[in-house]
């Protein structure tokens, strides 16, 4: 998909990029990754109209995720909004960083919409890191309708940029950052990621 059947300037890793390496403490294949923040539109359970996307660790540096297109996710009558589909891809691609044990943010996301996704559809998403170059993490994803081997509906290539937790402290809303940092699970996650060189 990425770099082989289409060229995307800025999304193709440089020639001196390295293969991704799954961190020794990464979640085991099949393990549910959980929400990184309860109010996240993509994965949080505290967002009533969110995607409630569930991602599981895959083999190597890959993840599998699912979400069901609901009434609140439509654009045209009865069809998923393209921005919602891009969000599902972005959330799935972002979940890959759990396997590298780094904190990273989306630097660039390029999405192809292959076919409409009807309301009520379960979208099966597969993503993998393809290369790492310094702080840049190159990855790709594909979303299929109805089954892991169903017809391709969407696909994306992305570059994530590794950051430190200070990125969120300095740029986020203070009261929400403080609440998240008071959550023992969030503190544990932040510390686990911060020890990664």
N, C-alpha and C. Protein backbone atom coordinates (compact mmCIF):
# COMPACT_ATOMS: atom_id res chain seq x y z
N UNK A 1 0.82 -1.18 0.00
CA UNK A 1 0.00 0.00 0.00
C UNK A 1 0.87 1.25 0.00
N UNK A 2 1.55 1.53 1.09
CA UNK A 2 2.32 2.75 1.22
C UNK A 2 3.68 2.60 0.55
N UNK A 3 4.01 3.54 -0.34
CA UNK A 3 5.32 3.54 -0.96
C UNK A 3 5.50 2.53 -2.06
N UNK A 4 4.58 1.58 -2.24
CA UNK A 4 4.76 0.59 -3.29
C UNK A 4 3.83 0.83 -4.46
N UNK A 5 2.56 1.11 -4.20
CA UNK A 5 1.64 1.27 -5.32
C UNK A 5 1.24 2.72 -5.54
N UNK A 6 1.75 3.64 -4.70
CA UNK A 6 1.49 5.05 -4.94
C UNK A 6 2.58 5.87 -4.25
N UNK A 7 2.96 6.96 -4.85
CA UNK A 7 4.00 7.81 -4.30
C UNK A 7 3.35 9.01 -3.63
N UNK A 8 3.75 9.27 -2.40
CA UNK A 8 3.19 10.38 -1.64
C UNK A 8 4.35 11.20 -1.08
N UNK A 9 4.66 12.33 -1.71
CA UNK A 9 5.74 13.18 -1.20
C UNK A 9 5.50 13.51 0.27
N UNK A 10 6.55 13.38 1.08
CA UNK A 10 6.44 13.66 2.51
C UNK A 10 5.94 12.47 3.31
N UNK A 11 5.35 11.49 2.65
CA UNK A 11 4.85 10.31 3.35
C UNK A 11 5.69 9.08 3.03
N UNK A 12 6.62 9.22 2.13
CA UNK A 12 7.53 8.13 1.79
C UNK A 12 8.78 8.27 2.66
N UNK A 13 9.11 7.24 3.43
CA UNK A 13 10.29 7.35 4.31
C UNK A 13 11.56 7.59 3.52
N UNK A 14 12.51 8.36 4.09
CA UNK A 14 13.80 8.55 3.41
C UNK A 14 14.56 7.23 3.36
N UNK A 15 15.53 7.17 2.49
CA UNK A 15 16.26 5.92 2.28
C UNK A 15 17.02 5.45 3.53
N UNK A 16 17.36 6.37 4.43
CA UNK A 16 18.09 5.94 5.63
C UNK A 16 17.16 5.70 6.83
N UNK A 17 15.85 5.61 6.58
CA UNK A 17 14.91 5.25 7.65
C UNK A 17 15.15 3.80 8.05
N UNK A 18 14.75 3.48 9.29
CA UNK A 18 14.98 2.12 9.78
C UNK A 18 13.64 1.40 9.97
N UNK A 19 13.72 0.09 10.03
CA UNK A 19 12.52 -0.72 10.28
C UNK A 19 12.06 -0.48 11.72
N UNK A 20 10.75 -0.47 11.95
CA UNK A 20 10.26 -0.28 13.31
C UNK A 20 10.59 -1.48 14.19
N UNK A 21 10.78 -1.23 15.48
CA UNK A 21 11.06 -2.29 16.44
C UNK A 21 10.02 -2.21 17.55
N UNK A 22 9.30 -3.28 17.72
CA UNK A 22 8.31 -3.37 18.79
C UNK A 22 9.04 -3.31 20.14
N UNK A 23 8.58 -2.44 21.02
CA UNK A 23 9.20 -2.29 22.34
C UNK A 23 9.00 -3.57 23.15
N UNK A 24 9.98 -3.92 23.95
CA UNK A 24 9.91 -5.15 24.76
C UNK A 24 8.73 -5.13 25.73
N UNK A 25 8.32 -3.95 26.18
CA UNK A 25 7.20 -3.83 27.11
C UNK A 25 5.88 -3.50 26.43
N UNK A 26 5.83 -3.62 25.12
CA UNK A 26 4.58 -3.32 24.39
C UNK A 26 3.51 -4.33 24.75
N UNK A 27 2.23 -3.93 24.65
CA UNK A 27 1.15 -4.89 24.89
C UNK A 27 1.29 -6.11 23.98
N UNK A 28 0.90 -7.26 24.48
CA UNK A 28 1.00 -8.51 23.73
C UNK A 28 -0.01 -8.53 22.58
N UNK A 29 0.29 -9.27 21.49
CA UNK A 29 -0.68 -9.39 20.41
C UNK A 29 -2.05 -9.86 20.94
N UNK A 30 -3.08 -9.18 20.49
CA UNK A 30 -4.45 -9.48 20.91
C UNK A 30 -4.91 -8.67 22.10
N UNK A 31 -3.99 -8.01 22.80
CA UNK A 31 -4.36 -7.23 23.99
C UNK A 31 -5.06 -5.93 23.59
N UNK A 32 -6.16 -5.63 24.28
CA UNK A 32 -6.90 -4.40 24.06
C UNK A 32 -6.05 -3.24 24.57
N UNK A 33 -5.91 -2.19 23.73
CA UNK A 33 -5.05 -1.08 24.10
C UNK A 33 -5.74 -0.09 25.02
N UNK A 34 -7.03 0.03 24.95
CA UNK A 34 -7.75 0.95 25.82
C UNK A 34 -7.65 2.39 25.34
N UNK A 35 -8.41 3.26 25.99
CA UNK A 35 -8.42 4.67 25.63
C UNK A 35 -7.20 5.37 26.22
N UNK A 36 -6.61 6.27 25.44
CA UNK A 36 -5.50 7.05 26.00
C UNK A 36 -6.01 8.24 26.80
N UNK A 37 -7.27 8.60 26.61
CA UNK A 37 -7.89 9.70 27.34
C UNK A 37 -9.40 9.51 27.23
N UNK A 38 -10.10 9.56 28.34
CA UNK A 38 -11.53 9.27 28.39
C UNK A 38 -12.38 10.18 27.49
N UNK A 39 -11.94 11.42 27.27
CA UNK A 39 -12.73 12.37 26.49
C UNK A 39 -12.30 12.42 25.02
N UNK A 40 -11.38 11.55 24.61
CA UNK A 40 -10.93 11.52 23.21
C UNK A 40 -12.09 11.14 22.30
N UNK A 41 -12.30 11.91 21.24
CA UNK A 41 -13.37 11.62 20.30
C UNK A 41 -13.19 10.27 19.62
N UNK A 42 -11.95 9.86 19.40
CA UNK A 42 -11.69 8.59 18.72
C UNK A 42 -11.85 7.36 19.59
N UNK A 43 -11.21 7.36 20.77
CA UNK A 43 -11.19 6.14 21.58
C UNK A 43 -11.83 6.26 22.95
N UNK A 44 -12.15 7.47 23.38
CA UNK A 44 -12.66 7.67 24.73
C UNK A 44 -14.08 7.18 24.94
N UNK A 45 -14.30 6.58 26.09
CA UNK A 45 -15.64 6.12 26.43
C UNK A 45 -16.49 7.25 27.01
N UNK A 46 -15.87 8.38 27.37
CA UNK A 46 -16.58 9.51 27.94
C UNK A 46 -17.12 10.48 26.91
N UNK A 47 -17.02 10.15 25.64
CA UNK A 47 -17.55 10.99 24.56
C UNK A 47 -18.81 10.34 24.03
N UNK A 48 -19.99 10.89 24.32
CA UNK A 48 -21.23 10.23 23.90
C UNK A 48 -21.36 10.03 22.39
N UNK A 49 -20.82 10.96 21.60
CA UNK A 49 -20.94 10.84 20.14
C UNK A 49 -19.63 10.40 19.48
N UNK A 50 -18.66 9.99 20.29
CA UNK A 50 -17.36 9.59 19.76
C UNK A 50 -17.42 8.27 19.01
N UNK A 51 -16.28 7.90 18.49
CA UNK A 51 -16.20 6.65 17.72
C UNK A 51 -16.17 5.42 18.62
N UNK A 52 -15.69 5.56 19.84
CA UNK A 52 -15.53 4.44 20.77
C UNK A 52 -14.73 3.32 20.11
N UNK A 53 -13.73 3.73 19.34
CA UNK A 53 -12.90 2.79 18.60
C UNK A 53 -12.09 1.93 19.57
N UNK A 54 -12.08 0.65 19.33
CA UNK A 54 -11.30 -0.28 20.14
C UNK A 54 -10.18 -0.86 19.30
N UNK A 55 -8.95 -0.67 19.79
CA UNK A 55 -7.78 -1.17 19.08
C UNK A 55 -7.11 -2.26 19.91
N UNK A 56 -6.61 -3.25 19.20
CA UNK A 56 -5.86 -4.35 19.83
C UNK A 56 -4.49 -4.45 19.19
N UNK A 57 -3.51 -4.78 20.02
CA UNK A 57 -2.16 -4.98 19.51
C UNK A 57 -2.15 -6.15 18.53
N UNK A 58 -1.42 -5.98 17.45
CA UNK A 58 -1.25 -7.04 16.47
C UNK A 58 0.16 -7.61 16.55
N UNK A 59 0.52 -8.35 15.54
CA UNK A 59 1.88 -8.89 15.45
C UNK A 59 2.83 -7.78 15.00
N UNK A 60 4.11 -7.95 15.29
CA UNK A 60 5.14 -6.98 14.93
C UNK A 60 4.72 -5.59 15.44
N UNK A 61 4.69 -4.60 14.56
CA UNK A 61 4.27 -3.26 14.97
C UNK A 61 2.99 -2.93 14.19
N UNK A 62 1.91 -3.63 14.57
CA UNK A 62 0.62 -3.45 13.91
C UNK A 62 -0.51 -3.46 14.94
N UNK A 63 -1.63 -2.88 14.56
CA UNK A 63 -2.83 -2.92 15.40
C UNK A 63 -4.03 -3.21 14.52
N UNK A 64 -5.07 -3.73 15.17
CA UNK A 64 -6.36 -3.96 14.52
C UNK A 64 -7.40 -3.22 15.35
N UNK A 65 -8.32 -2.57 14.68
CA UNK A 65 -9.35 -1.82 15.40
C UNK A 65 -10.69 -1.97 14.69
N UNK A 66 -11.73 -1.64 15.43
CA UNK A 66 -13.09 -1.67 14.88
C UNK A 66 -13.87 -0.49 15.41
N UNK A 67 -14.79 0.00 14.57
CA UNK A 67 -15.79 0.91 15.08
C UNK A 67 -17.04 0.77 14.23
N UNK A 68 -18.17 1.02 14.86
CA UNK A 68 -19.46 0.93 14.18
C UNK A 68 -19.94 2.33 13.84
N UNK A 69 -20.29 2.55 12.58
CA UNK A 69 -20.78 3.86 12.13
C UNK A 69 -22.20 4.05 12.66
N UNK A 70 -22.38 5.08 13.49
CA UNK A 70 -23.66 5.35 14.12
C UNK A 70 -24.30 6.60 13.54
N UNK A 71 -25.51 6.86 13.96
CA UNK A 71 -26.29 8.01 13.48
C UNK A 71 -25.50 9.32 13.56
N UNK A 72 -24.80 9.54 14.66
CA UNK A 72 -24.06 10.79 14.87
C UNK A 72 -22.84 10.91 13.96
N UNK A 73 -22.48 9.86 13.24
CA UNK A 73 -21.28 9.85 12.41
C UNK A 73 -21.56 10.08 10.94
N UNK A 74 -22.81 10.36 10.58
CA UNK A 74 -23.14 10.46 9.16
C UNK A 74 -22.89 11.86 8.59
N UNK A 75 -22.64 11.88 7.29
CA UNK A 75 -22.52 13.12 6.53
C UNK A 75 -23.72 13.18 5.61
N UNK A 76 -23.62 12.51 4.46
CA UNK A 76 -24.79 12.36 3.59
C UNK A 76 -25.76 11.41 4.28
N UNK A 77 -27.04 11.52 3.98
CA UNK A 77 -28.02 10.66 4.65
C UNK A 77 -27.65 9.17 4.54
N UNK A 78 -27.48 8.54 5.69
CA UNK A 78 -27.22 7.11 5.73
C UNK A 78 -25.79 6.70 5.47
N UNK A 79 -24.87 7.68 5.32
CA UNK A 79 -23.47 7.36 5.02
C UNK A 79 -22.54 8.05 6.00
N UNK A 80 -21.42 7.40 6.31
CA UNK A 80 -20.43 7.98 7.22
C UNK A 80 -19.85 9.26 6.63
N UNK A 81 -19.62 10.23 7.47
CA UNK A 81 -18.96 11.47 7.09
C UNK A 81 -17.48 11.17 6.81
N UNK A 82 -16.93 11.74 5.76
CA UNK A 82 -15.52 11.50 5.43
C UNK A 82 -14.57 11.89 6.54
N UNK A 83 -14.88 12.98 7.26
CA UNK A 83 -14.04 13.40 8.38
C UNK A 83 -14.04 12.39 9.51
N UNK A 84 -15.17 11.73 9.72
CA UNK A 84 -15.25 10.69 10.75
C UNK A 84 -14.38 9.49 10.33
N UNK A 85 -14.43 9.14 9.05
CA UNK A 85 -13.60 8.03 8.57
C UNK A 85 -12.12 8.37 8.70
N UNK A 86 -11.75 9.62 8.38
CA UNK A 86 -10.36 10.05 8.54
C UNK A 86 -9.95 10.00 10.01
N UNK A 87 -10.88 10.36 10.90
CA UNK A 87 -10.61 10.29 12.33
C UNK A 87 -10.38 8.85 12.78
N UNK A 88 -11.17 7.92 12.26
CA UNK A 88 -10.99 6.51 12.61
C UNK A 88 -9.61 6.02 12.16
N UNK A 89 -9.19 6.41 10.98
CA UNK A 89 -7.86 6.04 10.50
C UNK A 89 -6.78 6.67 11.37
N UNK A 90 -6.93 7.96 11.68
CA UNK A 90 -5.96 8.67 12.50
C UNK A 90 -5.83 8.03 13.89
N UNK A 91 -6.96 7.70 14.48
CA UNK A 91 -6.96 7.08 15.82
C UNK A 91 -6.27 5.71 15.78
N UNK A 92 -6.56 4.94 14.75
CA UNK A 92 -5.94 3.61 14.61
C UNK A 92 -4.44 3.75 14.41
N UNK A 93 -4.04 4.65 13.53
CA UNK A 93 -2.61 4.88 13.29
C UNK A 93 -1.92 5.38 14.55
N UNK A 94 -2.58 6.25 15.29
CA UNK A 94 -2.00 6.76 16.53
C UNK A 94 -1.82 5.67 17.58
N UNK A 95 -2.67 4.66 17.54
CA UNK A 95 -2.56 3.55 18.50
C UNK A 95 -1.28 2.76 18.31
N UNK A 96 -0.69 2.84 17.15
CA UNK A 96 0.57 2.12 16.89
C UNK A 96 1.67 2.56 17.85
N UNK A 97 1.60 3.79 18.33
CA UNK A 97 2.65 4.31 19.19
C UNK A 97 2.73 3.59 20.52
N UNK A 98 1.62 2.92 20.93
CA UNK A 98 1.65 2.08 22.13
C UNK A 98 2.69 0.97 21.96
N UNK A 99 2.84 0.48 20.74
CA UNK A 99 3.75 -0.65 20.50
C UNK A 99 5.21 -0.21 20.45
N UNK A 100 5.43 1.06 20.14
CA UNK A 100 6.79 1.60 20.14
C UNK A 100 7.15 2.19 21.50
N UNK A 101 6.11 2.41 22.33
CA UNK A 101 6.25 3.03 23.65
C UNK A 101 6.81 4.45 23.53
N UNK A 102 6.21 5.21 22.62
CA UNK A 102 6.54 6.63 22.48
C UNK A 102 5.24 7.43 22.47
N UNK A 103 5.36 8.70 22.81
CA UNK A 103 4.24 9.63 22.67
C UNK A 103 4.46 10.33 21.34
N UNK A 104 3.45 10.33 20.49
CA UNK A 104 3.59 10.96 19.18
C UNK A 104 2.27 11.58 18.76
N UNK A 105 2.37 12.60 17.93
CA UNK A 105 1.19 13.30 17.41
C UNK A 105 1.19 13.23 15.89
N UNK A 106 0.03 13.36 15.31
CA UNK A 106 -0.10 13.33 13.85
C UNK A 106 0.60 14.53 13.24
N UNK A 107 1.54 14.28 12.34
CA UNK A 107 2.20 15.34 11.59
C UNK A 107 1.55 15.53 10.24
N UNK A 108 1.16 14.41 9.64
CA UNK A 108 0.52 14.45 8.33
C UNK A 108 -0.31 13.18 8.16
N UNK A 109 -1.48 13.35 7.57
CA UNK A 109 -2.37 12.22 7.31
C UNK A 109 -2.98 12.42 5.93
N UNK A 110 -2.80 11.45 5.07
CA UNK A 110 -3.40 11.51 3.73
C UNK A 110 -4.32 10.31 3.57
N UNK A 111 -5.56 10.59 3.23
CA UNK A 111 -6.60 9.57 3.21
C UNK A 111 -7.18 9.39 1.82
N UNK A 112 -7.44 8.15 1.45
CA UNK A 112 -8.16 7.81 0.22
C UNK A 112 -9.50 7.23 0.61
N UNK A 113 -10.56 7.76 0.03
CA UNK A 113 -11.91 7.25 0.24
C UNK A 113 -12.27 6.41 -0.98
N UNK A 114 -12.33 5.11 -0.78
CA UNK A 114 -12.50 4.18 -1.89
C UNK A 114 -13.96 3.89 -2.19
N UNK A 115 -14.79 3.73 -1.14
CA UNK A 115 -16.22 3.46 -1.33
C UNK A 115 -17.00 4.00 -0.15
N UNK A 116 -18.28 4.30 -0.35
CA UNK A 116 -19.11 4.80 0.75
C UNK A 116 -19.23 3.77 1.87
N UNK A 117 -19.37 4.28 3.10
CA UNK A 117 -19.51 3.42 4.27
C UNK A 117 -20.88 3.71 4.89
N UNK A 118 -21.83 2.77 4.74
CA UNK A 118 -23.20 3.00 5.24
C UNK A 118 -23.30 3.01 6.76
N UNK A 119 -24.31 3.70 7.24
CA UNK A 119 -24.67 3.72 8.65
C UNK A 119 -24.86 2.28 9.12
N UNK A 120 -24.42 1.97 10.32
CA UNK A 120 -24.55 0.63 10.87
C UNK A 120 -23.42 -0.32 10.50
N UNK A 121 -22.55 0.11 9.61
CA UNK A 121 -21.43 -0.72 9.19
C UNK A 121 -20.37 -0.82 10.28
N UNK A 122 -19.80 -2.01 10.44
CA UNK A 122 -18.61 -2.16 11.27
C UNK A 122 -17.42 -2.01 10.34
N UNK A 123 -16.56 -1.02 10.65
CA UNK A 123 -15.36 -0.79 9.87
C UNK A 123 -14.20 -1.46 10.58
N UNK A 124 -13.52 -2.36 9.87
CA UNK A 124 -12.37 -3.09 10.40
C UNK A 124 -11.11 -2.41 9.88
N UNK A 125 -10.27 -1.96 10.81
CA UNK A 125 -9.09 -1.18 10.46
C UNK A 125 -7.82 -1.93 10.84
N UNK A 126 -6.88 -1.98 9.93
CA UNK A 126 -5.57 -2.57 10.17
C UNK A 126 -4.52 -1.50 9.90
N UNK A 127 -3.57 -1.34 10.82
CA UNK A 127 -2.52 -0.34 10.65
C UNK A 127 -1.18 -0.93 11.04
N UNK A 128 -0.12 -0.37 10.45
CA UNK A 128 1.22 -0.83 10.80
C UNK A 128 2.22 0.30 10.59
N UNK A 129 3.26 0.27 11.41
CA UNK A 129 4.38 1.20 11.23
C UNK A 129 5.25 0.61 10.14
N UNK A 130 5.62 1.45 9.17
CA UNK A 130 6.43 0.98 8.06
C UNK A 130 7.90 1.35 8.20
N UNK A 131 8.19 2.48 8.90
CA UNK A 131 9.58 2.92 9.06
C UNK A 131 9.65 3.99 10.14
N UNK A 132 10.87 4.18 10.65
CA UNK A 132 11.14 5.23 11.63
C UNK A 132 12.37 5.99 11.18
N UNK A 133 12.32 7.32 11.28
CA UNK A 133 13.45 8.16 10.91
C UNK A 133 13.54 9.29 11.91
N UNK A 134 14.46 9.17 12.87
CA UNK A 134 14.55 10.17 13.93
C UNK A 134 13.25 10.20 14.73
N UNK A 135 12.63 11.38 14.83
CA UNK A 135 11.37 11.52 15.56
C UNK A 135 10.16 11.20 14.69
N UNK A 136 10.37 10.92 13.41
CA UNK A 136 9.25 10.65 12.49
C UNK A 136 8.94 9.16 12.43
N UNK A 137 7.64 8.87 12.54
CA UNK A 137 7.15 7.49 12.48
C UNK A 137 6.21 7.39 11.28
N UNK A 138 6.58 6.58 10.31
CA UNK A 138 5.79 6.41 9.08
C UNK A 138 4.88 5.20 9.24
N UNK A 139 3.63 5.35 8.83
CA UNK A 139 2.68 4.26 9.01
C UNK A 139 1.60 4.29 7.93
N UNK A 140 0.88 3.18 7.84
CA UNK A 140 -0.21 3.08 6.87
C UNK A 140 -1.35 2.27 7.48
N UNK A 141 -2.55 2.49 6.95
CA UNK A 141 -3.74 1.79 7.45
C UNK A 141 -4.73 1.56 6.32
N UNK A 142 -5.57 0.56 6.53
CA UNK A 142 -6.65 0.27 5.59
C UNK A 142 -7.90 -0.07 6.41
N UNK A 143 -9.06 0.39 5.92
CA UNK A 143 -10.33 0.09 6.57
C UNK A 143 -11.21 -0.71 5.64
N UNK A 144 -11.77 -1.80 6.13
CA UNK A 144 -12.60 -2.69 5.33
C UNK A 144 -14.01 -2.77 5.90
N UNK A 145 -14.96 -2.91 5.03
CA UNK A 145 -16.38 -2.95 5.40
C UNK A 145 -16.80 -4.35 5.81
N UNK A 146 -17.41 -4.46 6.99
CA UNK A 146 -18.12 -5.67 7.40
C UNK A 146 -17.31 -6.83 7.91
N UNK A 147 -16.04 -6.95 7.54
CA UNK A 147 -15.21 -8.07 7.97
C UNK A 147 -13.75 -7.71 7.75
N UNK A 148 -12.83 -8.36 8.48
CA UNK A 148 -11.41 -8.07 8.29
C UNK A 148 -10.92 -8.28 6.86
N UNK A 149 -11.61 -9.13 6.11
CA UNK A 149 -11.23 -9.35 4.72
C UNK A 149 -12.28 -8.78 3.75
N UNK A 150 -13.14 -7.89 4.25
CA UNK A 150 -14.18 -7.27 3.42
C UNK A 150 -13.60 -6.28 2.42
N UNK A 151 -14.48 -5.66 1.64
CA UNK A 151 -14.01 -4.70 0.63
C UNK A 151 -13.37 -3.47 1.28
N UNK A 152 -12.29 -2.99 0.67
CA UNK A 152 -11.60 -1.79 1.16
C UNK A 152 -12.50 -0.58 0.96
N UNK A 153 -12.67 0.19 2.04
CA UNK A 153 -13.47 1.42 1.98
C UNK A 153 -12.60 2.66 2.09
N UNK A 154 -11.57 2.61 2.95
CA UNK A 154 -10.68 3.74 3.17
C UNK A 154 -9.26 3.24 3.40
N UNK A 155 -8.30 4.12 3.14
CA UNK A 155 -6.91 3.80 3.47
C UNK A 155 -6.17 5.12 3.68
N UNK A 156 -5.07 5.02 4.40
CA UNK A 156 -4.32 6.23 4.70
C UNK A 156 -2.85 5.94 4.91
N UNK A 157 -2.05 6.96 4.69
CA UNK A 157 -0.64 6.97 5.03
C UNK A 157 -0.44 8.16 5.97
N UNK A 158 0.47 8.01 6.92
CA UNK A 158 0.66 9.08 7.91
C UNK A 158 2.11 9.16 8.35
N UNK A 159 2.44 10.34 8.87
CA UNK A 159 3.70 10.56 9.58
C UNK A 159 3.32 11.10 10.95
N UNK A 160 3.78 10.41 11.99
CA UNK A 160 3.61 10.88 13.35
C UNK A 160 4.95 11.41 13.83
N UNK A 161 4.89 12.40 14.72
CA UNK A 161 6.10 13.03 15.25
C UNK A 161 6.18 12.74 16.75
N UNK A 162 7.29 12.16 17.18
CA UNK A 162 7.47 11.86 18.59
C UNK A 162 7.61 13.17 19.38
N UNK A 163 6.88 13.24 20.51
CA UNK A 163 6.94 14.41 21.41
C UNK A 163 7.07 13.91 22.84
N UNK A 164 7.35 14.82 23.75
CA UNK A 164 7.36 14.52 25.18
C UNK A 164 6.01 14.94 25.76
N UNK A 165 5.69 14.48 26.95
CA UNK A 165 4.42 14.80 27.59
C UNK A 165 4.25 16.31 27.77
N UNK A 166 5.36 17.05 27.84
CA UNK A 166 5.29 18.51 27.96
C UNK A 166 4.53 19.16 26.81
N UNK A 167 4.51 18.52 25.65
CA UNK A 167 3.75 19.04 24.50
C UNK A 167 2.29 19.26 24.88
N UNK A 168 1.72 18.35 25.63
CA UNK A 168 0.32 18.44 26.02
C UNK A 168 0.14 19.41 27.20
N UNK A 169 1.09 19.39 28.12
CA UNK A 169 1.03 20.28 29.27
C UNK A 169 1.09 21.74 28.82
N UNK A 170 1.97 22.03 27.88
CA UNK A 170 2.16 23.41 27.41
C UNK A 170 1.06 23.87 26.47
N UNK A 171 0.39 22.96 25.78
CA UNK A 171 -0.57 23.36 24.75
C UNK A 171 -2.03 23.01 25.05
N UNK A 172 -2.26 22.14 26.01
CA UNK A 172 -3.62 21.71 26.32
C UNK A 172 -4.31 22.65 27.30
N UNK A 173 -5.55 22.31 27.62
CA UNK A 173 -6.31 23.09 28.61
C UNK A 173 -5.88 22.65 30.00
N UNK A 174 -5.40 23.60 30.77
CA UNK A 174 -4.77 23.33 32.07
C UNK A 174 -5.63 22.44 32.97
N UNK A 175 -6.92 22.78 33.12
CA UNK A 175 -7.75 22.02 34.05
C UNK A 175 -7.93 20.57 33.60
N UNK A 176 -8.02 20.33 32.30
CA UNK A 176 -8.17 18.97 31.82
C UNK A 176 -6.85 18.20 31.90
N UNK A 177 -5.75 18.87 31.65
CA UNK A 177 -4.44 18.23 31.79
C UNK A 177 -4.23 17.83 33.25
N UNK A 178 -4.56 18.73 34.17
CA UNK A 178 -4.41 18.42 35.60
C UNK A 178 -5.29 17.24 36.00
N UNK A 179 -6.52 17.20 35.50
CA UNK A 179 -7.43 16.08 35.81
C UNK A 179 -6.88 14.77 35.26
N UNK A 180 -6.38 14.80 34.03
CA UNK A 180 -5.82 13.59 33.43
C UNK A 180 -4.59 13.14 34.20
N UNK A 181 -3.75 14.09 34.60
CA UNK A 181 -2.53 13.73 35.32
C UNK A 181 -2.82 13.27 36.75
N UNK A 182 -4.01 13.59 37.28
CA UNK A 182 -4.40 13.11 38.60
C UNK A 182 -4.94 11.68 38.55
N UNK A 183 -5.29 11.22 37.34
CA UNK A 183 -5.78 9.86 37.15
C UNK A 183 -4.59 8.91 37.24
N UNK A 184 -4.58 7.99 38.21
CA UNK A 184 -3.42 7.09 38.38
C UNK A 184 -3.06 6.32 37.11
N UNK A 185 -4.05 5.93 36.31
CA UNK A 185 -3.75 5.22 35.06
C UNK A 185 -3.00 6.11 34.09
N UNK A 186 -3.41 7.38 33.98
CA UNK A 186 -2.75 8.32 33.07
C UNK A 186 -1.32 8.62 33.54
N UNK A 187 -1.14 8.77 34.85
CA UNK A 187 0.20 9.04 35.39
C UNK A 187 1.11 7.86 35.09
N UNK A 188 0.60 6.66 35.32
CA UNK A 188 1.39 5.45 35.05
C UNK A 188 1.78 5.38 33.57
N UNK A 189 0.83 5.67 32.68
CA UNK A 189 1.13 5.64 31.24
C UNK A 189 2.16 6.69 30.86
N UNK A 190 1.99 7.92 31.37
CA UNK A 190 2.93 8.99 31.04
C UNK A 190 4.34 8.64 31.50
N UNK A 191 4.46 8.11 32.71
CA UNK A 191 5.79 7.73 33.22
C UNK A 191 6.40 6.60 32.40
N UNK A 192 5.59 5.64 32.03
CA UNK A 192 6.10 4.52 31.23
C UNK A 192 6.63 5.00 29.90
N UNK A 193 5.94 5.97 29.29
CA UNK A 193 6.37 6.46 28.00
C UNK A 193 7.58 7.38 28.14
N UNK A 194 7.65 8.17 29.21
CA UNK A 194 8.73 9.13 29.39
C UNK A 194 10.08 8.46 29.59
N UNK A 195 10.12 7.20 30.08
CA UNK A 195 11.40 6.55 30.29
C UNK A 195 12.01 6.07 28.98
N UNK A 196 11.23 6.07 27.93
CA UNK A 196 11.77 5.65 26.64
C UNK A 196 12.73 6.71 26.13
N UNK A 197 13.98 6.36 25.79
CA UNK A 197 14.96 7.38 25.37
C UNK A 197 14.55 8.03 24.06
